[in-house]
Amino acid sequence: MKLILAFALALALAACSEPPPPKPVAKAQPPAPPPAPPKPEVKPEPPKPDPNKELAAKVKQALDAPDSKLPAGAIDVTATEGRVSLWGAVPTAAQRTRAQQVASKVEGVRSVDNQLKVVKGS
């Protein structure tokens, strides 16, 4: 009888005890993704020409031409959508008028804003 009682006690203890924790299983790591193909090198687009700057340069070139009979480098030019502005100083009113005429004949010029000042001796 003692044997049966000892056996039952051992069986009860075995049933009540917690099972040992499971051994950690090494997780299979997913395979590394294949390296991305190299991206093609993006080349920056060359800057597009500014039509306003081009028009101002054409007018400036026409004003500085020897046949324009105007003082070279005395007149600054800006342009916005075909509207040209002339800045600076010229010695006579005739040269002021001549500068406006020369600028208005350049292709692409729609109007001329003549801001030239007549300054004797300039």
N, C-alpha and C. Protein backbone atom coordinates (compact mmCIF):
# COMPACT_ATOMS: atom_id res chain seq x y z
N MET A 1 0.81 -1.16 0.00
CA MET A 1 0.00 0.00 0.00
C MET A 1 0.88 1.25 0.00
N LYS A 2 1.94 1.22 0.77
CA LYS A 2 2.83 2.35 0.78
C LYS A 2 3.36 2.62 -0.63
N LEU A 3 3.54 1.61 -1.35
CA LEU A 3 4.07 1.74 -2.70
C LEU A 3 3.06 2.43 -3.60
N ILE A 4 1.81 2.08 -3.46
CA ILE A 4 0.77 2.69 -4.29
C ILE A 4 0.63 4.16 -3.89
N LEU A 5 0.67 4.42 -2.58
CA LEU A 5 0.55 5.78 -2.10
C LEU A 5 1.73 6.62 -2.60
N ALA A 6 2.91 6.13 -2.57
CA ALA A 6 4.09 6.84 -3.04
C ALA A 6 3.98 7.09 -4.55
N PHE A 7 3.47 6.09 -5.24
CA PHE A 7 3.31 6.21 -6.68
C PHE A 7 2.27 7.28 -7.02
N ALA A 8 1.16 7.30 -6.28
CA ALA A 8 0.10 8.27 -6.52
C ALA A 8 0.60 9.68 -6.19
N LEU A 9 1.35 9.81 -5.12
CA LEU A 9 1.90 11.10 -4.74
C LEU A 9 2.86 11.61 -5.82
N ALA A 10 3.70 10.76 -6.32
CA ALA A 10 4.65 11.14 -7.37
C ALA A 10 3.89 11.55 -8.63
N LEU A 11 2.82 10.81 -8.94
CA LEU A 11 2.03 11.12 -10.12
C LEU A 11 1.31 12.45 -9.95
N ALA A 12 0.78 12.74 -8.74
CA ALA A 12 0.10 14.01 -8.47
C ALA A 12 1.07 15.16 -8.56
N LEU A 13 2.26 15.00 -8.01
CA LEU A 13 3.26 16.06 -8.08
C LEU A 13 3.66 16.33 -9.54
N ALA A 14 3.78 15.32 -10.29
CA ALA A 14 4.17 15.47 -11.69
C ALA A 14 3.07 16.18 -12.47
N ALA A 15 1.81 15.90 -12.14
CA ALA A 15 0.70 16.51 -12.85
C ALA A 15 0.55 17.98 -12.46
N CYS A 16 0.84 18.36 -11.23
CA CYS A 16 0.67 19.73 -10.76
C CYS A 16 1.86 20.62 -11.09
N SER A 17 2.95 20.07 -11.29
CA SER A 17 4.13 20.91 -11.54
C SER A 17 4.07 21.49 -12.96
N GLU A 18 4.71 22.64 -13.10
CA GLU A 18 4.72 23.29 -14.42
C GLU A 18 5.75 22.60 -15.30
N PRO A 19 5.40 22.48 -16.51
CA PRO A 19 6.37 21.87 -17.41
C PRO A 19 7.55 22.83 -17.60
N PRO A 20 8.68 22.35 -17.90
CA PRO A 20 9.83 23.23 -18.11
C PRO A 20 9.55 24.14 -19.32
N PRO A 21 10.02 25.37 -19.25
CA PRO A 21 9.77 26.27 -20.38
C PRO A 21 10.41 25.70 -21.64
N PRO A 22 9.76 25.97 -22.75
CA PRO A 22 10.32 25.42 -23.99
C PRO A 22 11.64 26.12 -24.29
N LYS A 23 12.50 25.38 -24.88
CA LYS A 23 13.79 25.94 -25.27
C LYS A 23 13.56 26.93 -26.42
N PRO A 24 14.25 28.08 -26.34
CA PRO A 24 14.05 29.04 -27.42
C PRO A 24 14.53 28.44 -28.74
N VAL A 25 13.68 28.58 -29.68
CA VAL A 25 14.00 28.07 -31.00
C VAL A 25 14.53 29.24 -31.83
N ALA A 26 15.65 29.05 -32.42
CA ALA A 26 16.23 30.11 -33.25
C ALA A 26 15.29 30.34 -34.42
N LYS A 27 14.84 31.59 -34.51
CA LYS A 27 13.93 31.91 -35.59
C LYS A 27 14.72 31.98 -36.89
N ALA A 28 14.13 31.44 -37.89
CA ALA A 28 14.77 31.51 -39.19
C ALA A 28 14.61 32.92 -39.71
N GLN A 29 15.72 33.57 -39.98
CA GLN A 29 15.64 34.93 -40.48
C GLN A 29 15.32 34.89 -41.96
N PRO A 30 14.44 35.82 -42.35
CA PRO A 30 14.12 35.83 -43.78
C PRO A 30 15.38 36.19 -44.56
N PRO A 31 15.47 35.69 -45.74
CA PRO A 31 16.67 36.01 -46.53
C PRO A 31 16.71 37.52 -46.80
N ALA A 32 17.91 38.04 -46.81
CA ALA A 32 18.09 39.47 -47.05
C ALA A 32 17.60 39.78 -48.47
N PRO A 33 16.93 40.92 -48.62
CA PRO A 33 16.47 41.25 -49.97
C PRO A 33 17.66 41.49 -50.88
N PRO A 34 17.49 41.18 -52.12
CA PRO A 34 18.62 41.39 -53.04
C PRO A 34 18.92 42.88 -53.12
N PRO A 35 20.18 43.22 -53.31
CA PRO A 35 20.51 44.65 -53.38
C PRO A 35 19.77 45.31 -54.54
N ALA A 36 19.34 46.53 -54.29
CA ALA A 36 18.60 47.26 -55.33
C ALA A 36 19.54 47.55 -56.49
N PRO A 37 19.00 47.49 -57.69
CA PRO A 37 19.86 47.81 -58.83
C PRO A 37 20.28 49.27 -58.73
N PRO A 38 21.47 49.59 -59.17
CA PRO A 38 21.91 50.98 -59.07
C PRO A 38 21.00 51.89 -59.89
N LYS A 39 20.67 53.05 -59.30
CA LYS A 39 19.83 54.00 -60.00
C LYS A 39 20.68 54.72 -61.03
N PRO A 40 20.09 54.98 -62.17
CA PRO A 40 20.88 55.72 -63.16
C PRO A 40 21.18 57.12 -62.62
N GLU A 41 22.34 57.59 -62.91
CA GLU A 41 22.76 58.90 -62.42
C GLU A 41 21.90 59.97 -63.09
N VAL A 42 21.28 60.79 -62.26
CA VAL A 42 20.43 61.85 -62.77
C VAL A 42 21.28 63.06 -63.09
N LYS A 43 21.26 63.43 -64.31
CA LYS A 43 22.05 64.59 -64.74
C LYS A 43 21.12 65.80 -64.72
N PRO A 44 21.56 66.86 -64.08
CA PRO A 44 20.71 68.05 -64.06
C PRO A 44 20.58 68.63 -65.46
N GLU A 45 19.38 69.13 -65.72
CA GLU A 45 19.16 69.74 -67.02
C GLU A 45 19.95 71.03 -67.10
N PRO A 46 20.47 71.33 -68.27
CA PRO A 46 21.14 72.61 -68.38
C PRO A 46 20.12 73.73 -68.18
N PRO A 47 20.53 74.82 -67.60
CA PRO A 47 19.57 75.90 -67.36
C PRO A 47 19.00 76.41 -68.68
N LYS A 48 17.71 76.68 -68.65
CA LYS A 48 17.06 77.18 -69.85
C LYS A 48 17.35 78.67 -69.97
N PRO A 49 17.57 79.13 -71.18
CA PRO A 49 17.87 80.54 -71.35
C PRO A 49 16.68 81.40 -70.94
N ASP A 50 16.98 82.54 -70.33
CA ASP A 50 15.95 83.48 -69.90
C ASP A 50 15.67 84.42 -71.07
N PRO A 51 14.46 84.37 -71.63
CA PRO A 51 14.17 85.23 -72.79
C PRO A 51 14.29 86.72 -72.46
N ASN A 52 14.02 87.09 -71.22
CA ASN A 52 14.14 88.50 -70.84
C ASN A 52 15.60 88.95 -70.88
N LYS A 53 16.48 88.10 -70.36
CA LYS A 53 17.91 88.44 -70.38
C LYS A 53 18.44 88.46 -71.81
N GLU A 54 17.96 87.53 -72.62
CA GLU A 54 18.41 87.50 -74.02
C GLU A 54 17.98 88.76 -74.76
N LEU A 55 16.73 89.18 -74.53
CA LEU A 55 16.24 90.39 -75.20
C LEU A 55 17.02 91.62 -74.72
N ALA A 56 17.25 91.71 -73.42
CA ALA A 56 18.02 92.84 -72.90
C ALA A 56 19.43 92.85 -73.50
N ALA A 57 20.03 91.68 -73.65
CA ALA A 57 21.38 91.61 -74.24
C ALA A 57 21.37 92.05 -75.70
N LYS A 58 20.32 91.68 -76.44
CA LYS A 58 20.22 92.11 -77.85
C LYS A 58 20.11 93.63 -77.94
N VAL A 59 19.28 94.20 -77.08
CA VAL A 59 19.10 95.65 -77.10
C VAL A 59 20.40 96.34 -76.71
N LYS A 60 21.05 95.83 -75.67
CA LYS A 60 22.32 96.42 -75.22
C LYS A 60 23.36 96.37 -76.34
N GLN A 61 23.40 95.26 -77.06
CA GLN A 61 24.34 95.12 -78.17
C GLN A 61 24.03 96.14 -79.26
N ALA A 62 22.75 96.33 -79.54
CA ALA A 62 22.36 97.31 -80.57
C ALA A 62 22.73 98.73 -80.14
N LEU A 63 22.54 99.04 -78.86
CA LEU A 63 22.86 100.38 -78.36
C LEU A 63 24.37 100.64 -78.34
N ASP A 64 25.15 99.60 -78.09
CA ASP A 64 26.61 99.74 -78.02
C ASP A 64 27.29 99.66 -79.39
N ALA A 65 26.53 99.32 -80.44
CA ALA A 65 27.11 99.21 -81.78
C ALA A 65 27.63 100.58 -82.22
N PRO A 66 28.74 100.60 -82.97
CA PRO A 66 29.32 101.89 -83.40
C PRO A 66 28.36 102.73 -84.25
N ASP A 67 27.51 102.10 -85.04
CA ASP A 67 26.62 102.86 -85.91
C ASP A 67 25.42 103.46 -85.16
N SER A 68 25.26 103.13 -83.89
CA SER A 68 24.14 103.69 -83.12
C SER A 68 24.40 105.14 -82.71
N LYS A 69 25.69 105.53 -82.72
CA LYS A 69 26.10 106.89 -82.37
C LYS A 69 25.67 107.25 -80.95
N LEU A 70 25.79 106.27 -80.06
CA LEU A 70 25.46 106.46 -78.64
C LEU A 70 26.69 106.16 -77.81
N PRO A 71 26.81 106.76 -76.64
CA PRO A 71 27.99 106.48 -75.80
C PRO A 71 27.97 105.02 -75.33
N ALA A 72 29.02 104.29 -75.64
CA ALA A 72 29.10 102.87 -75.28
C ALA A 72 29.13 102.69 -73.78
N GLY A 73 28.33 101.78 -73.29
CA GLY A 73 28.33 101.43 -71.87
C GLY A 73 27.59 102.42 -70.98
N ALA A 74 27.02 103.48 -71.54
CA ALA A 74 26.35 104.48 -70.71
C ALA A 74 24.90 104.12 -70.42
N ILE A 75 24.37 103.13 -71.12
CA ILE A 75 22.95 102.81 -71.00
C ILE A 75 22.79 101.38 -70.49
N ASP A 76 22.00 101.23 -69.44
CA ASP A 76 21.67 99.91 -68.92
C ASP A 76 20.29 99.52 -69.45
N VAL A 77 20.10 98.22 -69.63
CA VAL A 77 18.87 97.72 -70.24
C VAL A 77 18.29 96.59 -69.39
N THR A 78 16.98 96.64 -69.16
CA THR A 78 16.26 95.52 -68.55
C THR A 78 15.09 95.20 -69.47
N ALA A 79 14.61 93.97 -69.42
CA ALA A 79 13.49 93.57 -70.26
C ALA A 79 12.56 92.64 -69.49
N THR A 80 11.27 92.79 -69.73
CA THR A 80 10.26 91.92 -69.13
C THR A 80 9.17 91.71 -70.17
N GLU A 81 9.09 90.51 -70.69
CA GLU A 81 8.05 90.11 -71.64
C GLU A 81 7.90 91.11 -72.79
N GLY A 82 9.00 91.51 -73.39
CA GLY A 82 8.98 92.38 -74.55
C GLY A 82 9.01 93.87 -74.21
N ARG A 83 8.86 94.20 -72.93
CA ARG A 83 8.93 95.60 -72.51
C ARG A 83 10.36 95.88 -72.08
N VAL A 84 11.00 96.83 -72.74
CA VAL A 84 12.40 97.15 -72.48
C VAL A 84 12.47 98.48 -71.74
N SER A 85 13.31 98.53 -70.70
CA SER A 85 13.55 99.77 -69.97
C SER A 85 15.00 100.18 -70.15
N LEU A 86 15.19 101.47 -70.44
CA LEU A 86 16.53 102.02 -70.63
C LEU A 86 16.85 102.90 -69.43
N TRP A 87 18.04 102.71 -68.86
CA TRP A 87 18.47 103.44 -67.67
C TRP A 87 19.84 104.04 -67.92
N GLY A 88 20.12 105.17 -67.32
CA GLY A 88 21.45 105.75 -67.40
C GLY A 88 21.38 107.22 -67.75
N ALA A 89 22.51 107.72 -68.26
CA ALA A 89 22.61 109.14 -68.59
C ALA A 89 23.26 109.29 -69.95
N VAL A 90 22.74 110.24 -70.72
CA VAL A 90 23.32 110.59 -72.03
C VAL A 90 23.52 112.10 -72.05
N PRO A 91 24.46 112.59 -72.90
CA PRO A 91 24.76 114.03 -72.88
C PRO A 91 23.70 114.91 -73.54
N THR A 92 22.91 114.37 -74.48
CA THR A 92 21.96 115.24 -75.18
C THR A 92 20.58 114.58 -75.27
N ALA A 93 19.58 115.42 -75.50
CA ALA A 93 18.21 114.91 -75.69
C ALA A 93 18.12 114.10 -76.98
N ALA A 94 18.92 114.50 -77.99
CA ALA A 94 18.91 113.77 -79.26
C ALA A 94 19.39 112.33 -79.05
N GLN A 95 20.40 112.13 -78.21
CA GLN A 95 20.88 110.77 -77.93
C GLN A 95 19.85 109.97 -77.13
N ARG A 96 19.13 110.64 -76.27
CA ARG A 96 18.06 109.97 -75.51
C ARG A 96 17.01 109.43 -76.48
N THR A 97 16.61 110.28 -77.43
CA THR A 97 15.62 109.88 -78.43
C THR A 97 16.18 108.78 -79.33
N ARG A 98 17.44 108.93 -79.72
CA ARG A 98 18.09 107.93 -80.59
C ARG A 98 18.13 106.57 -79.90
N ALA A 99 18.43 106.55 -78.62
CA ALA A 99 18.49 105.28 -77.88
C ALA A 99 17.13 104.59 -77.90
N GLN A 100 16.06 105.35 -77.74
CA GLN A 100 14.73 104.76 -77.77
C GLN A 100 14.42 104.19 -79.15
N GLN A 101 14.82 104.92 -80.21
CA GLN A 101 14.57 104.45 -81.58
C GLN A 101 15.33 103.15 -81.86
N VAL A 102 16.60 103.12 -81.46
CA VAL A 102 17.43 101.92 -81.70
C VAL A 102 16.83 100.73 -80.95
N ALA A 103 16.45 100.93 -79.69
CA ALA A 103 15.90 99.84 -78.89
C ALA A 103 14.59 99.33 -79.47
N SER A 104 13.76 100.23 -79.97
CA SER A 104 12.44 99.81 -80.47
C SER A 104 12.55 98.99 -81.76
N LYS A 105 13.68 99.10 -82.48
CA LYS A 105 13.85 98.35 -83.73
C LYS A 105 14.38 96.93 -83.51
N VAL A 106 14.77 96.60 -82.30
CA VAL A 106 15.30 95.26 -82.04
C VAL A 106 14.14 94.26 -82.04
N GLU A 107 14.38 93.13 -82.70
CA GLU A 107 13.34 92.11 -82.80
C GLU A 107 12.94 91.60 -81.41
N GLY A 108 11.64 91.56 -81.15
CA GLY A 108 11.13 91.07 -79.87
C GLY A 108 10.72 92.19 -78.93
N VAL A 109 11.11 93.42 -79.23
CA VAL A 109 10.76 94.55 -78.37
C VAL A 109 9.35 95.01 -78.72
N ARG A 110 8.47 95.03 -77.71
CA ARG A 110 7.09 95.50 -77.92
C ARG A 110 6.93 96.96 -77.51
N SER A 111 7.66 97.36 -76.46
CA SER A 111 7.57 98.76 -76.02
C SER A 111 8.89 99.12 -75.34
N VAL A 112 9.13 100.43 -75.27
CA VAL A 112 10.35 100.94 -74.65
C VAL A 112 9.97 101.96 -73.58
N ASP A 113 10.47 101.73 -72.37
CA ASP A 113 10.30 102.67 -71.27
C ASP A 113 11.63 103.41 -71.13
N ASN A 114 11.67 104.63 -71.63
CA ASN A 114 12.92 105.39 -71.69
C ASN A 114 13.10 106.17 -70.38
N GLN A 115 13.96 105.67 -69.50
CA GLN A 115 14.26 106.33 -68.23
C GLN A 115 15.61 107.04 -68.27
N LEU A 116 16.14 107.25 -69.46
CA LEU A 116 17.43 107.92 -69.60
C LEU A 116 17.33 109.37 -69.16
N LYS A 117 18.37 109.85 -68.52
CA LYS A 117 18.45 111.25 -68.06
C LYS A 117 19.48 111.98 -68.93
N VAL A 118 19.15 113.18 -69.27
CA VAL A 118 20.08 114.01 -70.03
C VAL A 118 20.94 114.75 -69.02
N VAL A 119 22.24 114.45 -69.05
CA VAL A 119 23.19 115.08 -68.14
C VAL A 119 24.34 115.63 -69.00
N LYS A 120 24.46 116.93 -69.02
CA LYS A 120 25.51 117.56 -69.81
C LYS A 120 26.86 117.07 -69.35
N GLY A 121 27.70 116.70 -70.31
CA GLY A 121 29.06 116.25 -70.01
C GLY A 121 29.14 114.80 -69.57
N SER A 122 28.10 114.04 -69.70
CA SER A 122 28.18 112.63 -69.28
C SER A 122 28.75 111.76 -70.35
